[in-house]
C-alpha atoms as a PDB file:
ATOM      1  CA  MET A   1     115.437  94.894  73.915  1.00  0.00           C
ATOM      2  CA  LEU A   2     118.771  94.483  75.605  1.00  0.00           C
ATOM      3  CA  SER A   3     119.236  93.106  79.060  1.00  0.00           C
ATOM      4  CA  GLU A   4     120.999  95.120  81.731  1.00  0.00           C
ATOM      5  CA  ARG A   5     124.066  92.917  81.305  1.00  0.00           C
ATOM      6  CA  SER A   6     124.201  93.424  77.527  1.00  0.00           C
ATOM      7  CA  SER A   7     123.842  97.166  77.999  1.00  0.00           C
ATOM      8  CA  VAL A   8     126.757  97.228  80.426  1.00  0.00           C
ATOM      9  CA  ASP A   9     128.797  95.157  77.974  1.00  0.00           C
ATOM     10  CA  ILE A  10     128.208  97.450  74.991  1.00  0.00           C
ATOM     11  CA  HIS A  11     128.955 100.543  77.072  1.00  0.00           C
ATOM     12  CA  ALA A  12     132.216  98.938  78.219  1.00  0.00           C
ATOM     13  CA  LEU A  13     133.153  97.994  74.653  1.00  0.00           C
ATOM     14  CA  LYS A  14     132.415 101.537  73.473  1.00  0.00           C
ATOM     15  CA  ARG A  15     134.596 102.988  76.250  1.00  0.00           C
ATOM     16  CA  GLN A  16     137.388 100.676  75.111  1.00  0.00           C
ATOM     17  CA  GLY A  17     137.240 102.387  71.726  1.00  0.00           C
ATOM     18  CA  MET A  18     135.344  99.822  69.680  1.00  0.00           C
ATOM     19  CA  THR A  19     133.135 101.093  66.876  1.00  0.00           C
ATOM     20  CA  ILE A  20     129.453 100.276  66.527  1.00  0.00           C
ATOM     21  CA  SER A  21     130.295  97.923  63.647  1.00  0.00           C
ATOM     22  CA  GLU A  22     132.735  96.019  65.834  1.00  0.00           C
ATOM     23  CA  ILE A  23     130.273  95.857  68.724  1.00  0.00           C
ATOM     24  CA  ARG A  24     127.678  94.573  66.250  1.00  0.00           C
ATOM     25  CA  ARG A  25     129.497  91.245  66.220  1.00  0.00           C
ATOM     26  CA  THR A  26     127.561  90.485  69.415  1.00  0.00           C
ATOM     27  CA  HIS A  27     124.610  89.766  67.082  1.00  0.00           C
ATOM     28  CA  HIS A  28     122.488  92.847  67.697  1.00  0.00           C
ATOM     29  CA  ASP A  29     121.461  95.574  65.303  1.00  0.00           C
ATOM     30  CA  ARG A  30     123.543  98.771  65.062  1.00  0.00           C
ATOM     31  CA  LYS A  31     120.449 100.951  65.532  1.00  0.00           C
ATOM     32  CA  THR A  32     119.737  99.132  68.770  1.00  0.00           C
ATOM     33  CA  PHE A  33     123.254  99.841  70.038  1.00  0.00           C
ATOM     34  CA  ARG A  34     123.046 103.490  69.076  1.00  0.00           C
ATOM     35  CA  ALA A  35     119.733 103.862  70.899  1.00  0.00           C
ATOM     36  CA  TYR A  36     121.143 102.372  74.103  1.00  0.00           C
ATOM     37  CA  LEU A  37     124.443 104.245  73.909  1.00  0.00           C
ATOM     38  CA  SER A  38     122.687 107.571  73.334  1.00  0.00           C
ATOM     39  CA  GLY A  39     120.243 106.948  76.187  1.00  0.00           C
ATOM     40  CA  GLU A  40     117.135 106.812  73.980  1.00  0.00           C
ATOM     41  CA  ARG A  41     116.302 103.370  75.364  1.00  0.00           C
ATOM     42  CA  THR A  42     116.587 101.879  78.827  1.00  0.00           C
ATOM     43  CA  PRO A  43     117.830  98.319  79.360  1.00  0.00           C
ATOM     44  CA  GLY A  44     115.157  95.850  80.409  1.00  0.00           C
ATOM     45  CA  GLN A  45     112.258  98.049  79.308  1.00  0.00           C
ATOM     46  CA  ARG A  46     110.416  97.039  76.186  1.00  0.00           C
ATOM     47  CA  GLU A  47     108.972  99.785  74.031  1.00  0.00           C
ATOM     48  CA  ARG A  48     105.275  99.578  73.281  1.00  0.00           C
ATOM     49  CA  ALA A  49     104.410  98.767  69.690  1.00  0.00           C
ATOM     50  CA  ALA A  50     101.341 100.995  69.901  1.00  0.00           C
ATOM     51  CA  PRO A  51     100.492 103.920  72.159  1.00  0.00           C
ATOM     52  CA  ASP A  52      98.936 103.003  75.489  1.00  0.00           C
ATOM     53  CA  PRO A  53      95.151 103.372  75.159  1.00  0.00           C
ATOM     54  CA  PHE A  54      94.883 104.399  78.819  1.00  0.00           C
ATOM     55  CA  ASP A  55      96.969 107.534  78.169  1.00  0.00           C
ATOM     56  CA  ALA A  56      93.848 109.288  76.881  1.00  0.00           C
ATOM     57  CA  PHE A  57      92.159 108.867  80.278  1.00  0.00           C
ATOM     58  CA  VAL A  58      95.020 109.632  82.679  1.00  0.00           C
ATOM     59  CA  ASP A  59      94.065 113.288  83.189  1.00  0.00           C
ATOM     60  CA  TYR A  60      90.426 112.392  83.881  1.00  0.00           C
ATOM     61  CA  VAL A  61      91.356 109.608  86.307  1.00  0.00           C
ATOM     62  CA  THR A  62      93.848 111.855  88.095  1.00  0.00           C
ATOM     63  CA  ALA A  63      91.238 114.591  88.497  1.00  0.00           C
ATOM     64  CA  ARG A  64      88.560 112.183  89.742  1.00  0.00           C
ATOM     65  CA  LEU A  65      90.900 110.562  92.262  1.00  0.00           C
ATOM     66  CA  ALA A  66      92.115 113.952  93.476  1.00  0.00           C
ATOM     67  CA  GLU A  67      88.467 114.862  94.025  1.00  0.00           C
ATOM     68  CA  ASP A  68      87.722 111.596  95.870  1.00  0.00           C
ATOM     69  CA  PRO A  69      90.673 109.354  96.802  1.00  0.00           C
ATOM     70  CA  HIS A  70      88.219 106.661  97.959  1.00  0.00           C
ATOM     71  CA  LEU A  71      86.505 106.370  94.576  1.00  0.00           C
ATOM     72  CA  TRP A  72      85.974 102.718  93.733  1.00  0.00           C
ATOM     73  CA  ALA A  73      87.705 101.463  90.630  1.00  0.00           C
ATOM     74  CA  ALA A  74      84.425  99.870  89.482  1.00  0.00           C
ATOM     75  CA  THR A  75      82.698 103.260  89.592  1.00  0.00           C
ATOM     76  CA  LEU A  76      85.601 104.850  87.801  1.00  0.00           C
ATOM     77  CA  LEU A  77      85.490 102.132  85.144  1.00  0.00           C
ATOM     78  CA  ASP A  78      81.789 102.867  84.543  1.00  0.00           C
ATOM     79  CA  GLU A  79      82.661 106.525  84.008  1.00  0.00           C
ATOM     80  CA  LEU A  80      85.569 105.639  81.727  1.00  0.00           C
ATOM     81  CA  ARG A  81      83.376 103.370  79.625  1.00  0.00           C
ATOM     82  CA  SER A  82      81.030 106.272  78.969  1.00  0.00           C
ATOM     83  CA  LEU A  83      84.103 108.176  77.740  1.00  0.00           C
ATOM     84  CA  GLY A  84      85.120 105.382  75.371  1.00  0.00           C
ATOM     85  CA  CYS A  85      87.461 103.200  77.429  1.00  0.00           C
ATOM     86  CA  ASP A  86      86.922  99.565  76.527  1.00  0.00           C
ATOM     87  CA  GLY A  87      89.217  97.887  79.056  1.00  0.00           C
ATOM     88  CA  ALA A  88      88.102  95.370  81.652  1.00  0.00           C
ATOM     89  CA  TYR A  89      88.206  95.969  85.420  1.00  0.00           C
ATOM     90  CA  PRO A  90      91.878  94.976  85.856  1.00  0.00           C
ATOM     91  CA  THR A  91      92.990  97.611  83.341  1.00  0.00           C
ATOM     92  CA  PRO A  92      92.174 100.762  85.348  1.00  0.00           C
ATOM     93  CA  THR A  93      93.161  99.171  88.646  1.00  0.00           C
ATOM     94  CA  ARG A  94      96.558  98.153  87.256  1.00  0.00           C
ATOM     95  CA  GLN A  95      97.069 101.523  85.577  1.00  0.00           C
ATOM     96  CA  ILE A  96      96.120 103.440  88.733  1.00  0.00           C
ATOM     97  CA  ARG A  97      98.523 101.339  90.781  1.00  0.00           C
ATOM     98  CA  ASP A  98     101.409 101.301  88.272  1.00  0.00           C
ATOM     99  CA  ARG A  99     101.193 105.021  87.531  1.00  0.00           C
ATOM    100  CA  GLY A 100     100.614 106.017  91.166  1.00  0.00           C
ATOM    101  CA  LEU A 101      97.470 107.980  90.293  1.00  0.00           C
ATOM    102  CA  ARG A 102      95.578 107.464  93.570  1.00  0.00           C
ATOM    103  CA  PRO A 103      96.632 110.148  96.050  1.00  0.00           C
ATOM    104  CA  ALA A 104      97.127 109.284  99.694  1.00  0.00           C
ATOM    105  CA  CYS A 105      94.159 110.221 101.853  1.00  0.00           C
ATOM    106  CA  THR A 106      95.381 112.359 104.743  1.00  0.00           C
ATOM    107  CA  ALA A 107      92.221 111.640 106.736  1.00  0.00           C
ATOM    108  CA  CYS A 108      92.963 107.904 106.634  1.00  0.00           C
ATOM    109  CA  ALA A 109      96.717 108.075 107.209  1.00  0.00           C
ATOM    110  CA  HIS A 110      96.416 107.612 110.966  1.00  0.00           C
ATOM    111  CA  VAL A 111      94.353 104.419 110.693  1.00  0.00           C
ATOM    112  CA  THR A 112      97.309 102.128 110.086  1.00  0.00           C
ATOM    113  CA  GLN A 113      99.299 103.727 112.887  1.00  0.00           C
ATOM    114  CA  ARG A 114      96.823 103.186 115.707  1.00  0.00           C
ATOM    115  CA  PRO A 115      97.476 100.379 118.186  1.00  0.00           C
ATOM    116  CA  ASN A 116      95.667  97.097 117.646  1.00  0.00           C
ATOM    117  CA  ALA A 117      94.849  94.510 120.287  1.00  0.00           C
ATOM    118  CA  ILE A 118      95.695  90.963 119.288  1.00  0.00           C
ATOM    119  CA  ILE A 119      93.713  88.462 121.329  1.00  0.00           C
ATOM    120  CA  ASP A 120      95.356  85.078 121.198  1.00  0.00           C
ATOM    121  CA  HIS A 121      92.854  82.262 121.614  1.00  0.00           C
ATOM    122  CA  PRO A 122      92.274  78.887 120.018  1.00  0.00           C
ATOM    123  CA  PRO A 123      89.617  78.693 117.293  1.00  0.00           C
ATOM    124  CA  GLY A 124      86.121  78.195 118.660  1.00  0.00           C
ATOM    125  CA  ASP A 125      86.875  79.517 122.156  1.00  0.00           C
ATOM    126  CA  GLU A 126      85.142  82.795 121.501  1.00  0.00           C
ATOM    127  CA  THR A 127      81.617  83.597 120.310  1.00  0.00           C
ATOM    128  CA  GLN A 128      80.344  86.762 118.697  1.00  0.00           C
ATOM    129  CA  PHE A 129      76.783  87.806 119.567  1.00  0.00           C
ATOM    130  CA  ASP A 130      74.663  90.102 117.413  1.00  0.00           C
ATOM    131  CA  TRP A 131      71.108  91.383 117.537  1.00  0.00           C
ATOM    132  CA  LEU A 132      68.807  89.844 114.981  1.00  0.00           C
ATOM    133  CA  GLU A 133      66.312  92.367 113.697  1.00  0.00           C
ATOM    134  CA  LEU A 134      63.444  90.850 111.745  1.00  0.00           C
ATOM    135  CA  PRO A 135      60.769  92.874 109.986  1.00  0.00           C
ATOM    136  CA  ASP A 136      57.490  92.530 111.930  1.00  0.00           C
ATOM    137  CA  PRO A 137      58.325  89.554 114.184  1.00  0.00           C
ATOM    138  CA  PRO A 138      55.555  88.144 116.408  1.00  0.00           C
ATOM    139  CA  GLU A 139      55.466  89.856 119.815  1.00  0.00           C
ATOM    140  CA  HIS A 140      55.864  86.606 121.741  1.00  0.00           C
ATOM    141  CA  TRP A 141      59.342  86.132 120.214  1.00  0.00           C
ATOM    142  CA  GLY A 142      60.781  88.975 122.259  1.00  0.00           C
ATOM    143  CA  PHE A 143      64.356  89.856 121.394  1.00  0.00           C
ATOM    144  CA  SER A 144      66.561  87.694 119.240  1.00  0.00           C
ATOM    145  CA  ILE A 145      70.272  87.330 119.752  1.00  0.00           C
ATOM    146  CA  VAL A 146      72.365  85.238 117.407  1.00  0.00           C
ATOM    147  CA  GLY A 147      75.701  83.812 118.472  1.00  0.00           C
ATOM    148  CA  SER A 148      78.334  82.478 116.133  1.00  0.00           C
ATOM    149  CA  PRO A 149      81.878  81.280 116.725  1.00  0.00           C
ATOM    150  CA  THR A 150      84.502  83.668 115.394  1.00  0.00           C
ATOM    151  CA  SER A 151      86.243  80.830 113.593  1.00  0.00           C
ATOM    152  CA  SER A 152      85.729  77.161 113.069  1.00  0.00           C
ATOM    153  CA  PRO A 153      87.679  74.709 115.248  1.00  0.00           C
ATOM    154  CA  ARG A 154      88.378  72.661 112.131  1.00  0.00           C
END
């Protein structure tokens, strides 16, 4: 693999009229130079030694995510395992992200654009109250409300 700088250098040397054999004096293989000069390879991108095992599942993942853009990656991984995928959880999540397979949900697009209220207060100055629902509590307990600080003062 050549760096971007090396690629620029060999292209400049070729434009100056140097042959591949003369450029080879920069300690790289002639086949490597030919591949970069012809555009077969891109600087800074390493070729995979073996085909990507996720390629076999791209069409399925694309179809499932088009059907349900909110599909959890864990659920998708369970489905992929039944199809023969043996990767761990990070594999499909990385592949979905890197390949841009998850479509944008139009129903959720407005959520990030709505106004939000930021309430500035020191930690511990506010308490959140919630109903506590217990299964079959004694009647003399009445209603139960639980209060908890929104954040710790420490």
